[in-house]
Amino acid sequence: MNEIQSSSGRYYVEEQGNVQAEVNFSSQGDGVISIDHTFVSPELRGQGVAEQLIRKVIEYARQEQLKIIPACAYASHHFEKFPDDRDLLQQ
């Protein structure tokens, strides 16, 4: 797998110029971000790529002292599966 890259509000994996996986997040103001969308191509599914992308957003949120709204299904699933990250959830 290629390295995870970042741009404003996005972490992604690109292969030969094509995005193969991505997570998009947006500012909701007042120190809160929303994880809006997660995508992994069929070729990369089952390899933990989505989890790695979500972890990048979590790392960013911790560094910037932000709270998270898990707006997409995969992000919601992550916070159900990993209770240690729930401290970042916007109440």
Foldseek 3Di string as FASTA:
>chain_A
DADWDDDVQKIFDDDPRHTQWMWGWDDPDPQEIEGADTDHHPVCPPVCPSVVRLVVVLVVSVVSVGAYHHNDPVSVVVCVVDVVSCVRHDD
